[in-house]
C-alpha cells in the first residue's frame, strides 16, 4: 500500500508489526471500526523511540538498543524491540504496564494516548479517561 507525491517522493510503507492480534480484519474497519476489531487488534495512539535501559531494568543485551514505546488505547504501555532490520529480536512486542503501581490491582489503563520523555530519561504517559473506553 502506498502512494507518491507529485514531486516523486515515494510514500509506500510496509507493516512491520501489530500491537494486537494478527487478524485478517485488523485495519480494515476504517475510522469507525466497522469490523469491531479495534480491541483485538490494538490502537496505538502514542509512540516514542527511547533507549531500552530507560524502560527495561532487566536489559542483558550488549549495548543499549533503541526500542519503540507505544501507548495503546487497549493494550496499555508496550515496548517493541528489534525495530531496525537485521536485529535479532525483530519487532517483538512486550507489555510494560497495564496500570500504574499506585492503581488498584483490578484497574487497567482505559485509553492511553501519549508519551513524552523528560531530559532525565523519565517517561510520562497520558490517559484520556479513567472511566470510559473509546468504544
N, C-alpha and C. Protein backbone atom coordinates (compact mmCIF):
# COMPACT_ATOMS: atom_id res chain seq x y z
N UNK A 1 0.86 -1.17 0.00
CA UNK A 1 0.00 0.00 0.00
C UNK A 1 0.90 1.23 0.00
N UNK A 2 0.55 2.24 -0.70
CA UNK A 2 1.36 3.44 -0.71
C UNK A 2 0.91 4.41 -1.78
N UNK A 3 1.74 5.39 -2.01
CA UNK A 3 1.41 6.40 -3.00
C UNK A 3 2.63 7.24 -3.30
N UNK A 4 2.47 8.23 -4.12
CA UNK A 4 3.56 9.12 -4.47
C UNK A 4 3.11 10.56 -4.40
N UNK A 5 4.00 11.43 -3.92
CA UNK A 5 3.78 12.86 -4.05
C UNK A 5 4.00 13.24 -5.49
N UNK A 6 3.50 14.37 -5.87
CA UNK A 6 3.72 14.85 -7.22
C UNK A 6 5.19 15.10 -7.51
N UNK A 7 5.98 15.36 -6.45
CA UNK A 7 7.40 15.64 -6.66
C UNK A 7 8.23 14.36 -6.74
N UNK A 8 7.57 13.19 -6.78
CA UNK A 8 8.29 11.93 -6.97
C UNK A 8 8.75 11.25 -5.69
N UNK A 9 8.42 11.78 -4.51
CA UNK A 9 8.82 11.14 -3.26
C UNK A 9 7.93 9.92 -3.03
N UNK A 10 8.54 8.77 -2.80
CA UNK A 10 7.79 7.53 -2.58
C UNK A 10 7.25 7.50 -1.16
N UNK A 11 5.95 7.30 -1.01
CA UNK A 11 5.31 7.25 0.30
C UNK A 11 4.86 5.84 0.67
N UNK A 12 5.42 4.84 0.05
CA UNK A 12 4.98 3.47 0.34
C UNK A 12 5.47 3.05 1.72
N UNK A 13 4.78 2.07 2.32
CA UNK A 13 5.15 1.57 3.63
C UNK A 13 4.87 0.08 3.70
N UNK A 14 5.45 -0.53 4.71
CA UNK A 14 5.26 -1.94 4.97
C UNK A 14 4.86 -2.10 6.43
N UNK A 15 3.87 -2.93 6.71
CA UNK A 15 3.50 -3.21 8.09
C UNK A 15 4.59 -4.06 8.71
N UNK A 16 5.16 -3.58 9.80
CA UNK A 16 6.24 -4.28 10.47
C UNK A 16 5.69 -5.15 11.59
N UNK A 17 4.70 -4.63 12.32
CA UNK A 17 4.12 -5.37 13.41
C UNK A 17 2.78 -4.79 13.76
N UNK A 18 2.06 -5.51 14.59
CA UNK A 18 0.79 -5.03 15.13
C UNK A 18 0.92 -5.07 16.65
N UNK A 19 0.22 -4.17 17.32
CA UNK A 19 0.26 -4.18 18.78
C UNK A 19 -0.71 -5.21 19.35
N UNK A 20 -1.60 -5.71 18.52
CA UNK A 20 -2.56 -6.72 18.97
C UNK A 20 -2.46 -7.97 18.11
N UNK A 21 -3.57 -8.63 17.93
CA UNK A 21 -3.62 -9.88 17.18
C UNK A 21 -3.31 -9.66 15.70
N UNK A 22 -2.83 -10.70 15.06
CA UNK A 22 -2.58 -10.65 13.63
C UNK A 22 -3.79 -11.25 12.92
N UNK A 23 -4.89 -10.53 12.98
CA UNK A 23 -6.16 -10.98 12.42
C UNK A 23 -6.34 -10.36 11.04
N UNK A 24 -6.92 -11.11 10.10
CA UNK A 24 -7.10 -10.61 8.73
C UNK A 24 -7.97 -9.36 8.66
N UNK A 25 -8.82 -9.13 9.67
CA UNK A 25 -9.68 -7.96 9.66
C UNK A 25 -9.05 -6.73 10.29
N UNK A 26 -7.90 -6.89 10.92
CA UNK A 26 -7.24 -5.74 11.56
C UNK A 26 -6.90 -4.69 10.51
N UNK A 27 -7.30 -3.46 10.80
CA UNK A 27 -7.01 -2.36 9.89
C UNK A 27 -7.97 -2.20 8.74
N UNK A 28 -8.99 -3.04 8.66
CA UNK A 28 -9.92 -2.99 7.54
C UNK A 28 -11.23 -2.30 7.87
N UNK A 29 -11.44 -1.91 9.13
CA UNK A 29 -12.71 -1.34 9.54
C UNK A 29 -12.84 0.15 9.33
N UNK A 30 -11.76 0.80 8.94
CA UNK A 30 -11.80 2.24 8.72
C UNK A 30 -11.89 3.01 10.03
N UNK A 31 -12.06 4.33 9.95
CA UNK A 31 -12.08 5.18 11.14
C UNK A 31 -13.18 4.84 12.13
N UNK A 32 -14.27 4.24 11.66
CA UNK A 32 -15.37 3.90 12.56
C UNK A 32 -15.29 2.46 13.05
N UNK A 33 -14.25 1.73 12.65
CA UNK A 33 -14.04 0.34 13.07
C UNK A 33 -15.27 -0.52 12.79
N UNK A 34 -15.70 -0.55 11.55
CA UNK A 34 -16.89 -1.32 11.18
C UNK A 34 -16.72 -2.81 11.41
N UNK A 35 -15.49 -3.31 11.47
CA UNK A 35 -15.26 -4.74 11.73
C UNK A 35 -15.24 -5.04 13.23
N UNK A 36 -15.32 -3.99 14.06
CA UNK A 36 -15.35 -4.14 15.52
C UNK A 36 -14.17 -4.97 16.04
N UNK A 37 -12.98 -4.68 15.53
CA UNK A 37 -11.79 -5.44 15.92
C UNK A 37 -10.75 -4.59 16.63
N UNK A 38 -11.07 -3.36 16.90
CA UNK A 38 -10.09 -2.44 17.48
C UNK A 38 -9.49 -2.98 18.78
N UNK A 39 -10.31 -3.50 19.67
CA UNK A 39 -9.80 -4.01 20.95
C UNK A 39 -8.91 -5.23 20.73
N UNK A 40 -9.25 -6.08 19.80
CA UNK A 40 -8.46 -7.26 19.47
C UNK A 40 -7.14 -6.87 18.80
N UNK A 41 -7.22 -5.95 17.87
CA UNK A 41 -6.07 -5.59 17.04
C UNK A 41 -5.15 -4.55 17.67
N UNK A 42 -5.66 -3.78 18.62
CA UNK A 42 -4.87 -2.72 19.23
C UNK A 42 -5.11 -1.39 18.54
N UNK A 43 -4.82 -0.33 19.27
CA UNK A 43 -4.94 1.02 18.72
C UNK A 43 -3.82 1.87 19.29
N UNK A 44 -2.66 1.86 18.65
CA UNK A 44 -1.54 2.66 19.13
C UNK A 44 -1.80 4.14 18.89
N UNK A 45 -1.74 4.94 19.94
CA UNK A 45 -2.02 6.37 19.81
C UNK A 45 -0.81 7.25 20.09
N UNK A 46 0.18 6.72 20.79
CA UNK A 46 1.38 7.48 21.07
C UNK A 46 2.60 6.60 20.93
N UNK A 47 3.69 7.15 20.39
CA UNK A 47 4.91 6.38 20.21
C UNK A 47 6.13 7.25 20.48
N UNK A 48 7.17 6.62 20.98
CA UNK A 48 8.42 7.33 21.27
C UNK A 48 9.57 6.33 21.19
N UNK A 49 10.62 6.67 20.48
CA UNK A 49 11.83 5.84 20.46
C UNK A 49 12.71 6.26 21.64
N UNK A 50 13.08 5.26 22.46
CA UNK A 50 13.91 5.51 23.64
C UNK A 50 14.97 4.43 23.74
N UNK A 51 15.92 4.62 24.63
CA UNK A 51 16.90 3.58 24.93
C UNK A 51 16.23 2.51 25.79
N UNK A 52 16.52 1.27 25.50
CA UNK A 52 15.87 0.17 26.22
C UNK A 52 16.09 0.27 27.73
N UNK A 53 17.25 0.70 28.16
CA UNK A 53 17.54 0.78 29.59
C UNK A 53 16.62 1.75 30.33
N UNK A 54 15.98 2.68 29.60
CA UNK A 54 15.08 3.63 30.26
C UNK A 54 13.72 3.02 30.60
N UNK A 55 13.42 1.84 30.03
CA UNK A 55 12.13 1.19 30.30
C UNK A 55 12.26 -0.27 30.74
N UNK A 56 13.44 -0.84 30.64
CA UNK A 56 13.62 -2.26 30.95
C UNK A 56 14.84 -2.42 31.85
N UNK A 57 14.58 -2.60 33.14
CA UNK A 57 15.68 -2.75 34.10
C UNK A 57 16.38 -4.09 33.99
N UNK A 58 15.81 -5.02 33.26
CA UNK A 58 16.40 -6.35 33.11
C UNK A 58 17.15 -6.50 31.79
N UNK A 59 17.62 -5.40 31.23
CA UNK A 59 18.32 -5.45 29.96
C UNK A 59 19.65 -6.18 30.14
N UNK A 60 19.81 -7.25 29.39
CA UNK A 60 21.06 -8.01 29.42
C UNK A 60 21.67 -8.08 28.03
N UNK A 61 21.45 -7.05 27.25
CA UNK A 61 21.96 -7.04 25.89
C UNK A 61 23.26 -6.27 25.83
N UNK A 62 24.09 -6.63 24.86
CA UNK A 62 25.29 -5.85 24.62
C UNK A 62 24.86 -4.52 24.03
N UNK A 63 25.27 -3.43 24.65
CA UNK A 63 24.85 -2.12 24.18
C UNK A 63 23.46 -1.80 24.68
N UNK A 64 22.99 -0.65 24.32
CA UNK A 64 21.68 -0.18 24.77
C UNK A 64 20.86 0.14 23.54
N UNK A 65 20.10 -0.84 23.05
CA UNK A 65 19.37 -0.67 21.79
C UNK A 65 18.24 0.35 21.90
N UNK A 66 17.89 0.92 20.77
CA UNK A 66 16.71 1.76 20.68
C UNK A 66 15.49 0.85 20.60
N UNK A 67 14.45 1.20 21.34
CA UNK A 67 13.17 0.48 21.30
C UNK A 67 12.06 1.50 21.08
N UNK A 68 10.94 1.02 20.64
CA UNK A 68 9.77 1.86 20.44
C UNK A 68 8.82 1.62 21.60
N UNK A 69 8.48 2.68 22.32
CA UNK A 69 7.49 2.58 23.40
C UNK A 69 6.17 3.07 22.82
N UNK A 70 5.11 2.30 23.04
CA UNK A 70 3.82 2.56 22.43
C UNK A 70 2.74 2.69 23.52
N UNK A 71 1.96 3.76 23.45
CA UNK A 71 0.77 3.91 24.30
C UNK A 71 -0.40 3.41 23.46
N UNK A 72 -0.91 2.23 23.81
CA UNK A 72 -2.01 1.62 23.07
C UNK A 72 -3.29 1.79 23.87
N UNK A 73 -4.35 2.23 23.22
CA UNK A 73 -5.62 2.50 23.89
C UNK A 73 -6.21 1.28 24.58
N UNK A 74 -5.88 0.09 24.10
CA UNK A 74 -6.46 -1.13 24.66
C UNK A 74 -5.43 -2.02 25.35
N UNK A 75 -4.21 -2.04 24.88
CA UNK A 75 -3.20 -2.98 25.37
C UNK A 75 -2.34 -2.43 26.50
N UNK A 76 -2.31 -1.10 26.67
CA UNK A 76 -1.50 -0.49 27.72
C UNK A 76 -0.20 0.08 27.18
N UNK A 77 0.81 0.11 28.04
CA UNK A 77 2.12 0.64 27.66
C UNK A 77 2.97 -0.52 27.16
N UNK A 78 3.43 -0.43 25.93
CA UNK A 78 4.15 -1.52 25.29
C UNK A 78 5.55 -1.09 24.90
N UNK A 79 6.44 -2.06 24.79
CA UNK A 79 7.79 -1.84 24.27
C UNK A 79 7.97 -2.76 23.07
N UNK A 80 8.46 -2.21 21.96
CA UNK A 80 8.74 -3.01 20.78
C UNK A 80 10.25 -3.02 20.58
N UNK A 81 10.82 -4.22 20.67
CA UNK A 81 12.27 -4.36 20.46
C UNK A 81 12.53 -4.82 19.03
N UNK A 82 13.76 -4.68 18.61
CA UNK A 82 14.13 -5.09 17.26
C UNK A 82 13.44 -4.26 16.20
N UNK A 83 13.45 -2.93 16.38
CA UNK A 83 12.71 -2.05 15.46
C UNK A 83 13.48 -1.75 14.18
N UNK A 84 14.75 -2.13 14.14
CA UNK A 84 15.54 -1.90 12.93
C UNK A 84 15.84 -3.24 12.28
N UNK A 85 15.83 -3.29 10.97
CA UNK A 85 16.06 -4.55 10.27
C UNK A 85 17.43 -5.11 10.62
N UNK A 86 17.50 -6.43 10.66
CA UNK A 86 18.75 -7.09 10.96
C UNK A 86 18.98 -7.36 12.44
N UNK A 87 18.08 -6.88 13.31
CA UNK A 87 18.24 -7.14 14.73
C UNK A 87 17.70 -8.52 15.06
N UNK A 88 18.28 -9.12 16.10
CA UNK A 88 17.92 -10.49 16.50
C UNK A 88 16.44 -10.62 16.87
N UNK A 89 15.93 -9.71 17.64
CA UNK A 89 14.56 -9.76 18.13
C UNK A 89 13.71 -8.81 17.31
N UNK A 90 13.40 -9.17 16.08
CA UNK A 90 12.77 -8.27 15.13
C UNK A 90 11.28 -8.04 15.43
N UNK A 91 10.92 -6.81 15.85
CA UNK A 91 9.54 -6.43 16.03
C UNK A 91 8.79 -7.18 17.11
N UNK A 92 9.43 -7.49 18.22
CA UNK A 92 8.76 -8.23 19.30
C UNK A 92 8.10 -7.24 20.27
N UNK A 93 6.82 -7.48 20.57
CA UNK A 93 6.04 -6.61 21.45
C UNK A 93 6.07 -7.16 22.87
N UNK A 94 6.43 -6.30 23.83
CA UNK A 94 6.47 -6.64 25.25
C UNK A 94 5.51 -5.70 25.98
N UNK A 95 4.69 -6.21 26.89
CA UNK A 95 3.82 -5.36 27.70
C UNK A 95 4.64 -4.83 28.87
N UNK A 96 4.74 -3.50 28.98
CA UNK A 96 5.45 -2.88 30.10
C UNK A 96 4.52 -2.66 31.28
N UNK A 97 3.30 -2.20 31.01
CA UNK A 97 2.36 -1.92 32.10
C UNK A 97 0.93 -1.86 31.58
N UNK A 98 0.01 -2.35 32.39
CA UNK A 98 -1.41 -2.21 32.09
C UNK A 98 -2.09 -1.34 33.14
N UNK A 99 -1.32 -0.92 34.14
CA UNK A 99 -1.80 0.00 35.18
C UNK A 99 -0.58 0.60 35.86
N UNK A 100 -0.77 1.69 36.56
CA UNK A 100 0.31 2.31 37.34
C UNK A 100 0.45 1.56 38.66
N UNK A 101 1.64 1.59 39.25
CA UNK A 101 1.86 0.92 40.54
C UNK A 101 0.90 1.42 41.61
N UNK A 102 0.50 2.67 41.52
CA UNK A 102 -0.39 3.26 42.53
C UNK A 102 -1.87 2.93 42.30
N UNK A 103 -2.21 2.33 41.14
CA UNK A 103 -3.60 1.98 40.84
C UNK A 103 -4.01 0.72 41.59
N UNK A 104 -5.32 0.56 41.81
CA UNK A 104 -5.85 -0.68 42.37
C UNK A 104 -5.45 -1.84 41.48
N UNK A 105 -5.26 -3.02 42.06
CA UNK A 105 -4.83 -4.18 41.29
C UNK A 105 -5.83 -4.58 40.20
N UNK A 106 -7.10 -4.25 40.37
CA UNK A 106 -8.12 -4.59 39.38
C UNK A 106 -8.24 -3.56 38.26
N UNK A 107 -7.59 -2.42 38.41
CA UNK A 107 -7.68 -1.36 37.41
C UNK A 107 -6.81 -1.69 36.20
N UNK A 108 -7.26 -1.28 35.02
CA UNK A 108 -6.49 -1.41 33.79
C UNK A 108 -6.57 -0.07 33.06
N UNK A 109 -5.46 0.39 32.49
CA UNK A 109 -5.49 1.63 31.72
C UNK A 109 -6.67 1.60 30.76
N UNK A 110 -7.37 2.72 30.61
CA UNK A 110 -8.55 2.79 29.77
C UNK A 110 -8.29 3.35 28.38
N UNK A 111 -7.43 4.34 28.28
CA UNK A 111 -7.24 4.96 26.97
C UNK A 111 -5.93 5.75 26.96
N UNK A 112 -4.81 5.03 27.00
CA UNK A 112 -3.50 5.71 26.91
C UNK A 112 -3.40 6.36 25.54
N UNK A 113 -2.77 7.55 25.51
CA UNK A 113 -2.73 8.23 24.22
C UNK A 113 -1.45 8.99 23.93
N UNK A 114 -0.56 9.14 24.87
CA UNK A 114 0.64 9.92 24.59
C UNK A 114 1.80 9.56 25.48
N UNK A 115 3.01 9.80 24.97
CA UNK A 115 4.25 9.53 25.71
C UNK A 115 5.21 10.68 25.46
N UNK A 116 5.82 11.17 26.52
CA UNK A 116 6.93 12.12 26.39
C UNK A 116 8.05 11.65 27.29
N UNK A 117 9.27 12.01 26.93
CA UNK A 117 10.42 11.66 27.75
C UNK A 117 11.08 12.94 28.24
N UNK A 118 11.25 13.02 29.56
CA UNK A 118 11.89 14.19 30.19
C UNK A 118 13.40 14.12 29.96
N UNK A 119 14.09 15.24 30.12
CA UNK A 119 15.55 15.25 29.94
C UNK A 119 16.28 14.24 30.83
N UNK A 120 15.71 13.90 31.99
CA UNK A 120 16.37 12.93 32.86
C UNK A 120 16.08 11.49 32.45
N UNK A 121 15.31 11.28 31.36
CA UNK A 121 15.01 9.93 30.88
C UNK A 121 13.68 9.38 31.35
N UNK A 122 13.03 10.05 32.31
CA UNK A 122 11.73 9.58 32.79
C UNK A 122 10.70 9.68 31.68
N UNK A 123 9.80 8.69 31.64
CA UNK A 123 8.71 8.71 30.67
C UNK A 123 7.43 9.12 31.36
N UNK A 124 6.65 9.94 30.69
CA UNK A 124 5.34 10.35 31.19
C UNK A 124 4.31 9.95 30.15
N UNK A 125 3.21 9.36 30.62
CA UNK A 125 2.15 8.95 29.72
C UNK A 125 0.87 9.70 30.08
N UNK A 126 0.01 9.84 29.10
CA UNK A 126 -1.29 10.47 29.37
C UNK A 126 -2.39 9.46 29.08
N UNK A 127 -3.44 9.58 29.86
CA UNK A 127 -4.60 8.71 29.74
C UNK A 127 -5.83 9.60 29.59
N UNK A 128 -6.56 9.45 28.51
CA UNK A 128 -7.69 10.32 28.23
C UNK A 128 -8.75 10.25 29.31
N UNK A 129 -9.04 9.06 29.79
CA UNK A 129 -10.08 8.88 30.79
C UNK A 129 -9.74 7.66 31.64
N UNK A 130 -10.24 7.67 32.86
CA UNK A 130 -10.09 6.51 33.74
C UNK A 130 -11.40 5.72 33.81
N UNK A 131 -12.44 6.23 33.17
CA UNK A 131 -13.77 5.64 33.33
C UNK A 131 -14.36 5.03 32.07
N UNK A 132 -13.95 5.48 30.90
CA UNK A 132 -14.57 5.03 29.67
C UNK A 132 -13.53 4.51 28.70
N UNK A 133 -13.91 3.54 27.90
CA UNK A 133 -13.06 3.08 26.80
C UNK A 133 -13.54 3.80 25.55
N UNK A 134 -12.75 3.79 24.52
CA UNK A 134 -13.08 4.51 23.29
C UNK A 134 -14.38 4.02 22.67
N UNK A 135 -14.68 2.76 22.79
CA UNK A 135 -15.90 2.21 22.18
C UNK A 135 -16.80 1.67 23.26
